[in-house]
Every structure is written in structure tokens, then in C-alpha cells.
PDB file of N, CA and C in Angstrom:
ATOM      1  N   MET A   1       0.868  -1.157  -0.190  1.00  0.00           N
ATOM      2  CA  MET A   1      -0.120  -0.260   0.434  1.00  0.00           C
ATOM      3  C   MET A   1       0.483   1.511  -0.130  1.00  0.00           C
ATOM      4  N   GLN A   2       2.102   1.209   0.393  1.00  0.00           N
ATOM      5  CA  GLN A   2       2.710   2.210   0.965  1.00  0.00           C
ATOM      6  C   GLN A   2       3.369   2.659  -0.331  1.00  0.00           C
ATOM      7  N   GLY A   3       3.453   1.576  -1.503  1.00  0.00           N
ATOM      8  CA  GLY A   3       4.394   1.568  -2.862  1.00  0.00           C
ATOM      9  C   GLY A   3       3.349   2.423  -3.057  1.00  0.00           C
ATOM     10  N   LYS A   4       2.425   2.302  -3.481  1.00  0.00           N
ATOM     11  CA  LYS A   4       1.117   2.826  -4.535  1.00  0.00           C
ATOM     12  C   LYS A   4       1.549   4.332  -3.832  1.00  0.00           C
ATOM     13  N   SER A   5       1.098   4.212  -2.707  1.00  0.00           N
ATOM     14  CA  SER A   5       1.219   6.010  -2.337  1.00  0.00           C
ATOM     15  C   SER A   5       2.244   6.931  -2.902  1.00  0.00           C
ATOM     16  N   ARG A   6       3.159   6.158  -2.918  1.00  0.00           N
ATOM     17  CA  ARG A   6       4.712   7.026  -3.798  1.00  0.00           C
ATOM     18  C   ARG A   6       4.534   6.936  -4.840  1.00  0.00           C
ATOM     19  N   HIS A   7       3.642   6.135  -5.302  1.00  0.00           N
ATOM     20  CA  HIS A   7       3.764   6.162  -7.020  1.00  0.00           C
ATOM     21  C   HIS A   7       3.097   7.707  -7.272  1.00  0.00           C
ATOM     22  N   ILE A   8       1.606   7.623  -6.204  1.00  0.00           N
ATOM     23  CA  ILE A   8       0.489   8.782  -6.459  1.00  0.00           C
ATOM     24  C   ILE A   8       1.305  10.001  -6.634  1.00  0.00           C
ATOM     25  N   LYS A   9       1.940   9.838  -5.255  1.00  0.00           N
ATOM     26  CA  LYS A   9       2.495  11.237  -4.675  1.00  0.00           C
ATOM     27  C   LYS A   9       3.711  11.600  -6.027  1.00  0.00           C
ATOM     28  N   ALA A  10       4.424  10.767  -6.445  1.00  0.00           N
ATOM     29  CA  ALA A  10       4.975  10.830  -7.536  1.00  0.00           C
ATOM     30  C   ALA A  10       4.200  11.515  -8.747  1.00  0.00           C
ATOM     31  N   ILE A  11       3.397  10.832  -9.279  1.00  0.00           N
ATOM     32  CA  ILE A  11       2.406  11.128 -10.187  1.00  0.00           C
ATOM     33  C   ILE A  11       2.365  12.748  -9.825  1.00  0.00           C
ATOM     34  N   LYS A  12       1.255  13.226  -8.558  1.00  0.00           N
ATOM     35  CA  LYS A  12       0.755  14.129  -8.581  1.00  0.00           C
ATOM     36  C   LYS A  12       1.653  15.406  -8.898  1.00  0.00           C
ATOM     37  N   SER A  13       2.907  14.926  -8.250  1.00  0.00           N
ATOM     38  CA  SER A  13       4.329  15.749  -8.508  1.00  0.00           C
ATOM     39  C   SER A  13       4.775  16.013  -9.986  1.00  0.00           C
ATOM     40  N   TYR A  14       4.667  15.026 -10.528  1.00  0.00           N
ATOM     41  CA  TYR A  14       5.090  15.556 -12.024  1.00  0.00           C
ATOM     42  C   TYR A  14       3.823  16.684 -12.504  1.00  0.00           C
ATOM     43  N   ARG A  15       2.709  16.316 -12.217  1.00  0.00           N
ATOM     44  CA  ARG A  15       2.148  16.752 -12.999  1.00  0.00           C
ATOM     45  C   ARG A  15       2.076  17.803 -12.890  1.00  0.00           C
ATOM     46  N   CYS A  16       2.570  18.415 -11.875  1.00  0.00           N
ATOM     47  CA  CYS A  16       3.303  20.050 -11.514  1.00  0.00           C
ATOM     48  C   CYS A  16       4.427  20.691 -12.288  1.00  0.00           C
ATOM     49  N   ARG A  17       4.832  19.921 -13.169  1.00  0.00           N
ATOM     50  CA  ARG A  17       5.681  20.076 -13.929  1.00  0.00           C
ATOM     51  C   ARG A  17       5.880  20.099 -15.263  1.00  0.00           C
ATOM     52  N   VAL A  18       4.484  19.367 -15.821  1.00  0.00           N
ATOM     53  CA  VAL A  18       4.159  19.661 -17.102  1.00  0.00           C
ATOM     54  C   VAL A  18       3.381  20.938 -17.275  1.00  0.00           C
ATOM     55  N   SER A  19       3.548  21.483 -18.317  1.00  0.00           N
ATOM     56  CA  SER A  19       3.354  22.865 -18.596  1.00  0.00           C
ATOM     57  C   SER A  19       1.781  22.969 -18.976  1.00  0.00           C
ATOM     58  N   LYS A  20       0.717  24.177 -18.983  1.00  0.00           N
ATOM     59  CA  LYS A  20      -0.190  23.967 -19.677  1.00  0.00           C
ATOM     60  C   LYS A  20      -0.398  24.195 -20.362  1.00  0.00           C
ATOM     61  N   LYS A  21       0.699  24.625 -21.928  1.00  0.00           N
ATOM     62  CA  LYS A  21       0.589  24.859 -23.023  1.00  0.00           C
ATOM     63  C   LYS A  21       1.027  23.426 -23.799  1.00  0.00           C
ATOM     64  N   GLU A  22       1.525  22.544 -22.921  1.00  0.00           N
ATOM     65  CA  GLU A  22       2.074  20.915 -23.511  1.00  0.00           C
ATOM     66  C   GLU A  22       0.553  20.084 -23.188  1.00  0.00           C
ATOM     67  N   LEU A  23       0.023  20.865 -22.066  1.00  0.00           N
ATOM     68  CA  LEU A  23      -1.417  19.705 -21.722  1.00  0.00           C
ATOM     69  C   LEU A  23      -2.166  20.276 -22.468  1.00  0.00           C
ATOM     70  N   ASN A  24      -2.468  21.500 -22.641  1.00  0.00           N
ATOM     71  CA  ASN A  24      -3.635  22.058 -23.470  1.00  0.00           C
ATOM     72  C   ASN A  24      -3.053  21.681 -25.269  1.00  0.00           C
ATOM     73  N   ARG A  25      -2.524  21.664 -25.866  1.00  0.00           N
ATOM     74  CA  ARG A  25      -2.113  21.178 -27.102  1.00  0.00           C
ATOM     75  C   ARG A  25      -2.536  19.665 -27.178  1.00  0.00           C
ATOM     76  N   ALA A  26      -1.953  18.891 -26.035  1.00  0.00           N
ATOM     77  CA  ALA A  26      -2.270  17.520 -25.791  1.00  0.00           C
ATOM     78  C   ALA A  26      -4.014  17.532 -26.436  1.00  0.00           C
ATOM     79  N   ARG A  27      -4.105  17.733 -25.433  1.00  0.00           N
ATOM     80  CA  ARG A  27      -5.934  17.964 -25.002  1.00  0.00           C
ATOM     81  C   ARG A  27      -6.697  18.010 -26.164  1.00  0.00           C
ATOM     82  N   GLY A  28      -6.092  18.747 -26.784  1.00  0.00           N
ATOM     83  CA  GLY A  28      -6.626  19.380 -28.506  1.00  0.00           C
ATOM     84  C   GLY A  28      -6.235  18.221 -29.436  1.00  0.00           C
ATOM     85  N   GLU A  29      -5.430  17.180 -29.198  1.00  0.00           N
ATOM     86  CA  GLU A  29      -5.681  15.983 -30.217  1.00  0.00           C
ATOM     87  C   GLU A  29      -5.403  14.868 -29.327  1.00  0.00           C
ATOM     88  N   GLY A  30      -6.350  15.081 -27.919  1.00  0.00           N
ATOM     89  CA  GLY A  30      -7.135  13.749 -27.440  1.00  0.00           C
ATOM     90  C   GLY A  30      -5.804  13.376 -27.075  1.00  0.00           C
ATOM     91  N   LYS A  31      -4.670  13.309 -26.038  1.00  0.00           N
ATOM     92  CA  LYS A  31      -3.702  12.633 -26.150  1.00  0.00           C
ATOM     93  C   LYS A  31      -3.386  13.042 -24.599  1.00  0.00           C
ATOM     94  N   ALA A  32      -3.854  13.747 -24.029  1.00  0.00           N
ATOM     95  CA  ALA A  32      -3.187  14.723 -23.028  1.00  0.00           C
ATOM     96  C   ALA A  32      -2.911  13.384 -21.423  1.00  0.00           C
ATOM     97  N   GLU A  33      -3.761  12.371 -21.700  1.00  0.00           N
ATOM     98  CA  GLU A  33      -3.724  11.260 -20.646  1.00  0.00           C
ATOM     99  C   GLU A  33      -2.559  10.811 -21.373  1.00  0.00           C
ATOM    100  N   GLU A  34      -2.254  10.842 -22.241  1.00  0.00           N
ATOM    101  CA  GLU A  34      -0.941   9.949 -22.754  1.00  0.00           C
ATOM    102  C   GLU A  34       0.258  11.023 -22.364  1.00  0.00           C
ATOM    103  N   VAL A  35      -0.180  12.010 -22.651  1.00  0.00           N
ATOM    104  CA  VAL A  35       0.946  12.819 -22.311  1.00  0.00           C
ATOM    105  C   VAL A  35       1.355  13.248 -21.090  1.00  0.00           C
ATOM    106  N   GLU A  36      -0.103  12.564 -19.785  1.00  0.00           N
ATOM    107  CA  GLU A  36       0.591  12.357 -18.418  1.00  0.00           C
ATOM    108  C   GLU A  36       1.401  11.778 -17.959  1.00  0.00           C
ATOM    109  N   GLN A  37       1.076  10.512 -18.596  1.00  0.00           N
ATOM    110  CA  GLN A  37       1.286   9.041 -18.182  1.00  0.00           C
ATOM    111  C   GLN A  37       2.933   9.028 -19.150  1.00  0.00           C
ATOM    112  N   ASN A  38       3.432   9.520 -19.940  1.00  0.00           N
ATOM    113  CA  ASN A  38       4.756   9.940 -20.476  1.00  0.00           C
ATOM    114  C   ASN A  38       5.717  10.357 -19.098  1.00  0.00           C
ATOM    115  N   HIS A  39       5.234  11.399 -19.078  1.00  0.00           N
ATOM    116  CA  HIS A  39       5.822  12.294 -18.125  1.00  0.00           C
ATOM    117  C   HIS A  39       6.042  11.876 -17.030  1.00  0.00           C
ATOM    118  N   ALA A  40       5.130  11.408 -16.450  1.00  0.00           N
ATOM    119  CA  ALA A  40       5.006  10.314 -14.999  1.00  0.00           C
ATOM    120  C   ALA A  40       6.560   9.625 -15.317  1.00  0.00           C
ATOM    121  N   LYS A  41       6.271   8.903 -16.143  1.00  0.00           N
ATOM    122  CA  LYS A  41       6.836   7.622 -16.270  1.00  0.00           C
ATOM    123  C   LYS A  41       8.518   7.964 -16.088  1.00  0.00           C
ATOM    124  N   ASP A  42       8.795   9.074 -16.902  1.00  0.00           N
ATOM    125  CA  ASP A  42       9.916  10.184 -17.060  1.00  0.00           C
ATOM    126  C   ASP A  42      10.673  10.609 -15.723  1.00  0.00           C
ATOM    127  N   PHE A  43       9.542  11.202 -14.890  1.00  0.00           N
ATOM    128  CA  PHE A  43       9.653  10.847 -13.861  1.00  0.00           C
ATOM    129  C   PHE A  43       9.646  10.223 -12.408  1.00  0.00           C
ATOM    130  N   LEU A  44       9.306   9.136 -12.530  1.00  0.00           N
ATOM    131  CA  LEU A  44       9.611   7.895 -12.247  1.00  0.00           C
ATOM    132  C   LEU A  44      11.089   7.177 -12.712  1.00  0.00           C
ATOM    133  N   LYS A  45      11.479   7.038 -13.832  1.00  0.00           N
ATOM    134  CA  LYS A  45      12.574   7.062 -14.285  1.00  0.00           C
ATOM    135  C   LYS A  45      13.198   7.538 -13.978  1.00  0.00           C
ATOM    136  N   LEU A  46      13.693   9.292 -13.789  1.00  0.00           N
ATOM    137  CA  LEU A  46      14.465   9.939 -13.414  1.00  0.00           C
ATOM    138  C   LEU A  46      14.597   9.611 -11.623  1.00  0.00           C
ATOM    139  N   GLN A  47      13.945   9.977 -10.722  1.00  0.00           N
ATOM    140  CA  GLN A  47      14.053   9.227  -9.714  1.00  0.00           C
ATOM    141  C   GLN A  47      15.193   8.164  -9.729  1.00  0.00           C
ATOM    142  N   SER A  48      14.668   6.836 -10.353  1.00  0.00           N
ATOM    143  CA  SER A  48      15.579   5.732  -9.979  1.00  0.00           C
ATOM    144  C   SER A  48      17.320   6.498 -10.475  1.00  0.00           C
ATOM    145  N   LEU A  49      17.386   6.713 -11.566  1.00  0.00           N
ATOM    146  CA  LEU A  49      18.564   7.209 -12.021  1.00  0.00           C
ATOM    147  C   LEU A  49      19.463   8.049 -10.940  1.00  0.00           C
ATOM    148  N   ARG A  50      18.473   9.218 -10.469  1.00  0.00           N
ATOM    149  CA  ARG A  50      18.897  10.064  -9.493  1.00  0.00           C
ATOM    150  C   ARG A  50      19.839   8.888  -8.704  1.00  0.00           C
ATOM    151  N   LYS A  51      18.842   7.683  -8.066  1.00  0.00           N
ATOM    152  CA  LYS A  51      19.438   7.302  -6.698  1.00  0.00           C
ATOM    153  C   LYS A  51      20.627   6.156  -7.530  1.00  0.00           C
ATOM    154  N   ASP A  52      19.943   5.436  -8.513  1.00  0.00           N
ATOM    155  CA  ASP A  52      21.744   5.006  -8.936  1.00  0.00           C
ATOM    156  C   ASP A  52      22.602   6.069  -9.015  1.00  0.00           C
ATOM    157  N   LEU A  53      22.417   6.934  -9.431  1.00  0.00           N
ATOM    158  CA  LEU A  53      24.037   7.987  -9.414  1.00  0.00           C
ATOM    159  C   LEU A  53      24.120   8.400  -7.794  1.00  0.00           C
ATOM    160  N   GLU A  54      23.310   8.612  -7.389  1.00  0.00           N
ATOM    161  CA  GLU A  54      23.925   9.043  -5.960  1.00  0.00           C
ATOM    162  C   GLU A  54      24.822   7.774  -5.131  1.00  0.00           C
ATOM    163  N   ASN A  55      24.443   6.623  -5.429  1.00  0.00           N
ATOM    164  CA  ASN A  55      24.984   5.016  -4.833  1.00  0.00           C
ATOM    165  C   ASN A  55      26.329   4.613  -5.829  1.00  0.00           C
ATOM    166  N   MET A  56      26.313   5.500  -6.908  1.00  0.00           N
ATOM    167  CA  MET A  56      27.381   4.855  -7.261  1.00  0.00           C
ATOM    168  C   MET A  56      28.729   5.404  -7.381  1.00  0.00           C
ATOM    169  N   LYS A  57      29.340   4.087  -7.352  1.00  0.00           N
ATOM    170  CA  LYS A  57      30.971   3.749  -6.865  1.00  0.00           C
ATOM    171  C   LYS A  57      31.762   3.172  -7.930  1.00  0.00           C
ATOM    172  N   MET A  58      33.068   3.533  -7.912  1.00  0.00           N
ATOM    173  CA  MET A  58      34.400   2.795  -8.838  1.00  0.00           C
ATOM    174  C   MET A  58      33.879   1.540  -7.770  1.00  0.00           C
ATOM    175  N   LYS A  59      34.204   0.243  -8.466  1.00  0.00           N
ATOM    176  CA  LYS A  59      35.060  -1.235  -7.792  1.00  0.00           C
ATOM    177  C   LYS A  59      36.065  -0.367  -8.056  1.00  0.00           C
ATOM    178  N   GLU A  60      36.903  -1.493  -6.913  1.00  0.00           N
ATOM    179  CA  GLU A  60      38.095  -1.455  -6.970  1.00  0.00           C
ATOM    180  C   GLU A  60      38.864  -2.000  -7.835  1.00  0.00           C
ATOM    181  N   ASP A  61      38.291  -3.042  -8.121  1.00  0.00           N
ATOM    182  CA  ASP A  61      39.058  -3.923  -9.746  1.00  0.00           C
ATOM    183  C   ASP A  61      38.360  -3.463 -11.285  1.00  0.00           C
ATOM    184  N   GLU A  62      37.967  -2.354 -10.881  1.00  0.00           N
ATOM    185  CA  GLU A  62      37.238  -1.755 -11.850  1.00  0.00           C
ATOM    186  C   GLU A  62      38.230  -0.895 -12.892  1.00  0.00           C
ATOM    187  N   SER A  63      38.427  -0.505 -13.713  1.00  0.00           N
ATOM    188  CA  SER A  63      39.504  -0.076 -14.864  1.00  0.00           C
ATOM    189  C   SER A  63      38.972   1.378 -14.914  1.00  0.00           C
ATOM    190  N   LEU A  64      39.452   3.038 -14.952  1.00  0.00           N
ATOM    191  CA  LEU A  64      38.843   3.585 -15.166  1.00  0.00           C
ATOM    192  C   LEU A  64      38.036   4.148 -16.301  1.00  0.00           C
ATOM    193  N   LYS A  65      38.716   3.550 -17.309  1.00  0.00           N
ATOM    194  CA  LYS A  65      38.222   3.305 -18.393  1.00  0.00           C
ATOM    195  C   LYS A  65      36.445   2.548 -18.730  1.00  0.00           C
ATOM    196  N   ASP A  66      36.732   1.862 -18.052  1.00  0.00           N
ATOM    197  CA  ASP A  66      35.018   0.963 -17.618  1.00  0.00           C
ATOM    198  C   ASP A  66      33.958   1.645 -16.386  1.00  0.00           C
ATOM    199  N   TYR A  67      34.982   2.141 -15.746  1.00  0.00           N
ATOM    200  CA  TYR A  67      33.710   2.921 -14.982  1.00  0.00           C
ATOM    201  C   TYR A  67      33.610   4.409 -15.648  1.00  0.00           C
ATOM    202  N   SER A  68      34.237   4.976 -16.592  1.00  0.00           N
ATOM    203  CA  SER A  68      33.644   6.448 -17.418  1.00  0.00           C
ATOM    204  C   SER A  68      32.909   6.096 -17.728  1.00  0.00           C
ATOM    205  N   SER A  69      32.727   4.678 -18.053  1.00  0.00           N
ATOM    206  CA  SER A  69      31.818   4.162 -19.535  1.00  0.00           C
ATOM    207  C   SER A  69      30.382   4.387 -18.873  1.00  0.00           C
ATOM    208  N   ARG A  70      30.604   3.557 -17.929  1.00  0.00           N
ATOM    209  CA  ARG A  70      29.390   3.532 -16.963  1.00  0.00           C
ATOM    210  C   ARG A  70      28.801   4.322 -16.420  1.00  0.00           C
ATOM    211  N   PHE A  71      29.436   5.103 -15.934  1.00  0.00           N
ATOM    212  CA  PHE A  71      29.265   6.405 -15.148  1.00  0.00           C
ATOM    213  C   PHE A  71      28.847   7.587 -16.384  1.00  0.00           C
ATOM    214  N   LEU A  72      29.246   7.449 -18.015  1.00  0.00           N
ATOM    215  CA  LEU A  72      28.227   8.588 -18.433  1.00  0.00           C
ATOM    216  C   LEU A  72      27.191   8.110 -18.948  1.00  0.00           C
ATOM    217  N   GLU A  73      27.352   6.909 -19.310  1.00  0.00           N
ATOM    218  CA  GLU A  73      26.082   5.903 -19.544  1.00  0.00           C
ATOM    219  C   GLU A  73      24.773   6.578 -18.816  1.00  0.00           C
ATOM    220  N   LEU A  74      24.749   6.438 -17.496  1.00  0.00           N
ATOM    221  CA  LEU A  74      24.029   6.616 -16.385  1.00  0.00           C
ATOM    222  C   LEU A  74      23.453   8.637 -16.999  1.00  0.00           C
ATOM    223  N   ILE A  75      24.467   9.301 -16.677  1.00  0.00           N
ATOM    224  CA  ILE A  75      24.497  10.383 -16.761  1.00  0.00           C
ATOM    225  C   ILE A  75      23.716  10.689 -17.997  1.00  0.00           C
ATOM    226  N   ASN A  76      23.784  10.015 -18.943  1.00  0.00           N
ATOM    227  CA  ASN A  76      23.514  10.346 -20.792  1.00  0.00           C
ATOM    228  C   ASN A  76      21.490  10.173 -20.442  1.00  0.00           C
ATOM    229  N   GLN A  77      21.589   8.955 -20.055  1.00  0.00           N
ATOM    230  CA  GLN A  77      20.178   8.396 -19.805  1.00  0.00           C
ATOM    231  C   GLN A  77      19.197   9.438 -18.578  1.00  0.00           C
ATOM    232  N   MET A  78      20.107   9.833 -17.846  1.00  0.00           N
ATOM    233  CA  MET A  78      19.295  10.892 -17.142  1.00  0.00           C
ATOM    234  C   MET A  78      18.707  12.639 -18.071  1.00  0.00           C
ATOM    235  N   LYS A  79      19.713  12.634 -18.559  1.00  0.00           N
ATOM    236  CA  LYS A  79      19.281  13.801 -19.853  1.00  0.00           C
ATOM    237  C   LYS A  79      18.728  13.285 -20.724  1.00  0.00           C
ATOM    238  N   THR A  80      18.854  11.968 -21.394  1.00  0.00           N
ATOM    239  CA  THR A  80      17.452  11.664 -22.059  1.00  0.00           C
ATOM    240  C   THR A  80      16.500  11.897 -21.630  1.00  0.00           C
ATOM    241  N   HIS A  81      15.878  11.488 -20.109  1.00  0.00           N
ATOM    242  CA  HIS A  81      14.406  11.597 -19.512  1.00  0.00           C
ATOM    243  C   HIS A  81      14.278  13.096 -19.138  1.00  0.00           C
ATOM    244  N   GLY A  82      15.071  14.369 -19.678  1.00  0.00           N
ATOM    245  CA  GLY A  82      14.850  16.040 -19.093  1.00  0.00           C
ATOM    246  C   GLY A  82      15.957  16.035 -17.947  1.00  0.00           C
ATOM    247  N   GLU A  83      16.770  15.244 -17.488  1.00  0.00           N
ATOM    248  CA  GLU A  83      17.715  16.102 -16.385  1.00  0.00           C
ATOM    249  C   GLU A  83      18.446  16.720 -16.568  1.00  0.00           C
ATOM    250  N   ASP A  84      18.727  17.964 -15.609  1.00  0.00           N
ATOM    251  CA  ASP A  84      19.759  18.911 -16.039  1.00  0.00           C
ATOM    252  C   ASP A  84      20.779  18.931 -15.235  1.00  0.00           C
ATOM    253  N   ILE A  85      21.734  18.346 -15.427  1.00  0.00           N
ATOM    254  CA  ILE A  85      22.397  18.253 -14.381  1.00  0.00           C
ATOM    255  C   ILE A  85      23.928  18.939 -14.973  1.00  0.00           C
ATOM    256  N   SER A  86      24.513  19.600 -14.238  1.00  0.00           N
ATOM    257  CA  SER A  86      25.730  20.682 -14.770  1.00  0.00           C
ATOM    258  C   SER A  86      27.110  19.437 -14.960  1.00  0.00           C
ATOM    259  N   ASP A  87      27.559  19.901 -15.755  1.00  0.00           N
ATOM    260  CA  ASP A  87      29.152  19.864 -16.054  1.00  0.00           C
ATOM    261  C   ASP A  87      29.701  19.752 -14.503  1.00  0.00           C
ATOM    262  N   ARG A  88      29.783  20.859 -13.687  1.00  0.00           N
ATOM    263  CA  ARG A  88      30.330  20.904 -12.128  1.00  0.00           C
ATOM    264  C   ARG A  88      29.770  19.434 -11.190  1.00  0.00           C
ATOM    265  N   ARG A  89      28.735  19.320 -11.096  1.00  0.00           N
ATOM    266  CA  ARG A  89      28.387  18.332 -10.506  1.00  0.00           C
ATOM    267  C   ARG A  89      28.400  16.956 -10.978  1.00  0.00           C
ATOM    268  N   ILE A  90      28.469  17.024 -12.174  1.00  0.00           N
ATOM    269  CA  ILE A  90      29.142  15.744 -12.611  1.00  0.00           C
ATOM    270  C   ILE A  90      30.963  15.512 -12.145  1.00  0.00           C
ATOM    271  N   VAL A  91      31.296  16.555 -12.498  1.00  0.00           N
ATOM    272  CA  VAL A  91      32.673  16.242 -11.666  1.00  0.00           C
ATOM    273  C   VAL A  91      32.616  15.735 -10.503  1.00  0.00           C
ATOM    274  N   GLU A  92      32.078  16.862  -9.881  1.00  0.00           N
ATOM    275  CA  GLU A  92      32.264  16.602  -8.434  1.00  0.00           C
ATOM    276  C   GLU A  92      31.955  15.081  -7.929  1.00  0.00           C
ATOM    277  N   LYS A  93      30.463  14.599  -8.830  1.00  0.00           N
ATOM    278  CA  LYS A  93      30.290  13.315  -8.340  1.00  0.00           C
ATOM    279  C   LYS A  93      31.373  12.101  -8.995  1.00  0.00           C
ATOM    280  N   THR A  94      31.895  12.263  -9.986  1.00  0.00           N
ATOM    281  CA  THR A  94      33.109  11.634 -10.781  1.00  0.00           C
ATOM    282  C   THR A  94      33.717  11.422  -9.748  1.00  0.00           C
ATOM    283  N   LEU A  95      34.397  12.591  -9.255  1.00  0.00           N
ATOM    284  CA  LEU A  95      35.881  12.232  -8.224  1.00  0.00           C
ATOM    285  C   LEU A  95      35.031  12.139  -6.241  1.00  0.00           C
ATOM    286  N   ILE A  96      33.814  12.245  -6.031  1.00  0.00           N
ATOM    287  CA  ILE A  96      33.644  11.465  -5.250  1.00  0.00           C
ATOM    288  C   ILE A  96      33.327   9.764  -5.051  1.00  0.00           C
ATOM    289  N   SER A  97      33.157   9.747  -6.192  1.00  0.00           N
ATOM    290  CA  SER A  97      32.884   8.075  -6.290  1.00  0.00           C
ATOM    291  C   SER A  97      34.083   7.370  -6.742  1.00  0.00           C
ATOM    292  N   LEU A  98      35.335   8.041  -6.735  1.00  0.00           N
ATOM    293  CA  LEU A  98      36.443   6.769  -7.118  1.00  0.00           C
ATOM    294  C   LEU A  98      37.185   6.456  -5.627  1.00  0.00           C
ATOM    295  N   PRO A  99      37.729   5.220  -5.814  1.00  0.00           N
ATOM    296  CA  PRO A  99      38.288   4.616  -4.307  1.00  0.00           C
ATOM    297  C   PRO A  99      39.845   5.888  -3.916  1.00  0.00           C
ATOM    298  N   GLU A 100      39.504   5.380  -2.683  1.00  0.00           N
ATOM    299  CA  GLU A 100      41.405   5.932  -2.472  1.00  0.00           C
ATOM    300  C   GLU A 100      42.275   5.954  -3.316  1.00  0.00           C
ATOM    301  N   LYS A 101      42.823   5.356  -3.995  1.00  0.00           N
ATOM    302  CA  LYS A 101      44.176   4.909  -4.464  1.00  0.00           C
ATOM    303  C   LYS A 101      44.070   5.955  -5.532  1.00  0.00           C
ATOM    304  N   PHE A 102      42.741   6.908  -5.870  1.00  0.00           N
ATOM    305  CA  PHE A 102      42.786   8.160  -6.679  1.00  0.00           C
ATOM    306  C   PHE A 102      43.209   9.122  -5.539  1.00  0.00           C
ATOM    307  N   ASP A 103      43.079   9.262  -4.733  1.00  0.00           N
ATOM    308  CA  ASP A 103      42.960  10.242  -3.304  1.00  0.00           C
ATOM    309  C   ASP A 103      44.274  11.566  -3.660  1.00  0.00           C
ATOM    310  N   PRO A 104      45.173  11.102  -4.061  1.00  0.00           N
ATOM    311  CA  PRO A 104      46.571  12.141  -4.879  1.00  0.00           C
ATOM    312  C   PRO A 104      45.993  13.332  -5.735  1.00  0.00           C
ATOM    313  N   ILE A 105      45.521  12.030  -6.780  1.00  0.00           N
ATOM    314  CA  ILE A 105      44.532  12.606  -8.419  1.00  0.00           C
ATOM    315  C   ILE A 105      43.945  14.084  -7.792  1.00  0.00           C
ATOM    316  N   ILE A 106      42.836  13.586  -6.884  1.00  0.00           N
ATOM    317  CA  ILE A 106      42.099  14.199  -7.077  1.00  0.00           C
ATOM    318  C   ILE A 106      42.214  15.496  -6.334  1.00  0.00           C
ATOM    319  N   ALA A 107      42.851  15.513  -5.427  1.00  0.00           N
ATOM    320  CA  ALA A 107      43.924  16.230  -5.040  1.00  0.00           C
ATOM    321  C   ALA A 107      43.976  17.356  -5.726  1.00  0.00           C
ATOM    322  N   VAL A 108      45.468  17.119  -6.328  1.00  0.00           N
ATOM    323  CA  VAL A 108      45.813  18.094  -7.400  1.00  0.00           C
ATOM    324  C   VAL A 108      44.498  18.267  -8.340  1.00  0.00           C
ATOM    325  N   ILE A 109      43.484  17.656  -8.321  1.00  0.00           N
ATOM    326  CA  ILE A 109      42.327  18.428  -9.622  1.00  0.00           C
ATOM    327  C   ILE A 109      41.787  19.505  -8.834  1.00  0.00           C
ATOM    328  N   GLU A 110      41.644  19.399  -7.491  1.00  0.00           N
ATOM    329  CA  GLU A 110      40.638  20.142  -6.824  1.00  0.00           C
ATOM    330  C   GLU A 110      41.227  21.629  -6.662  1.00  0.00           C
ATOM    331  N   GLU A 111      42.591  21.181  -6.532  1.00  0.00           N
ATOM    332  CA  GLU A 111      43.491  22.563  -6.295  1.00  0.00           C
ATOM    333  C   GLU A 111      43.961  23.446  -7.568  1.00  0.00           C
ATOM    334  N   THR A 112      43.856  22.374  -8.616  1.00  0.00           N
ATOM    335  CA  THR A 112      43.914  23.450  -9.689  1.00  0.00           C
ATOM    336  C   THR A 112      43.117  24.088 -10.492  1.00  0.00           C
ATOM    337  N   LYS A 113      41.620  23.029 -10.450  1.00  0.00           N
ATOM    338  CA  LYS A 113      40.572  23.651 -11.015  1.00  0.00           C
ATOM    339  C   LYS A 113      39.694  24.534  -9.600  1.00  0.00           C
ATOM    340  N   GLU A 114      40.492  25.042  -8.883  1.00  0.00           N
ATOM    341  CA  GLU A 114      39.174  25.606  -7.902  1.00  0.00           C
ATOM    342  C   GLU A 114      37.839  24.550  -7.632  1.00  0.00           C
ATOM    343  N   LEU A 115      37.572  23.066  -7.562  1.00  0.00           N
ATOM    344  CA  LEU A 115      36.278  22.879  -7.111  1.00  0.00           C
ATOM    345  C   LEU A 115      35.879  23.016  -5.875  1.00  0.00           C
ATOM    346  N   GLN A 116      36.633  23.278  -5.118  1.00  0.00           N
ATOM    347  CA  GLN A 116      35.683  24.051  -3.638  1.00  0.00           C
ATOM    348  C   GLN A 116      35.362  24.850  -3.414  1.00  0.00           C
ATOM    349  N   PRO A 117      33.636  25.006  -2.850  1.00  0.00           N
ATOM    350  CA  PRO A 117      32.983  26.343  -2.977  1.00  0.00           C
ATOM    351  C   PRO A 117      33.368  27.427  -2.777  1.00  0.00           C
TER     352      PRO A 117
END
């Protein structure tokens, strides 16, 4: 029951993000419900992708190339579903998700690129 309640809240929350112009255009075409359902699906998918991004870490035995491919694939999926994610946020998340063996490199990057707030 709780999962259904969260689903309903997510859909209602997302309806607030759909522009009136877009809904009116869809209503004129008789597709308003379809548009709302698609937006709700995108919203729910984005929630899942955001969670994946927050939990993403590079594995100790994973190559940097493999990790960056996996990371960028997730970012691209988020953008496809309408997420507006800044380059700064991408860099910050990348740096904090790397294992300890990269700490010296991260420190140099943070110093030279002034990533500190």
C-alpha cells in the first residue's frame, strides 16, 4: 500500500511540472492522458536514475575506462529523461565516487581547478 501511495504522490508531483501549453496542445489532439502518463514514467525513471547516481562508486577492480563508460551512460540516460545536470555536478560526483587510490590525483584536480566551494 505504501508503494502505491508513493507512486501516486510522484505522479501528482510531476503533473505540476507539465506545462499548461503542452497539456492544452495534447488535449486538442486527444492525447492529454498519454502525455501525462509519459511524463509520469519519465519522472519515476529519473528518480531511479538519481538514486543510482548517488549510490554509484567505482569498484576496486574496475578500470577507470570501464567506470567512466558506466558513469557517462547513466548521465546520458538522465539527460534523455529530462534531467538538467551541470558539468560541475558531474565532475564533483565523479571525484567523490573514485576509490582511495585516486586521492592524490583528486587533490591536485581540486587545487588546480578550484572545485572547492
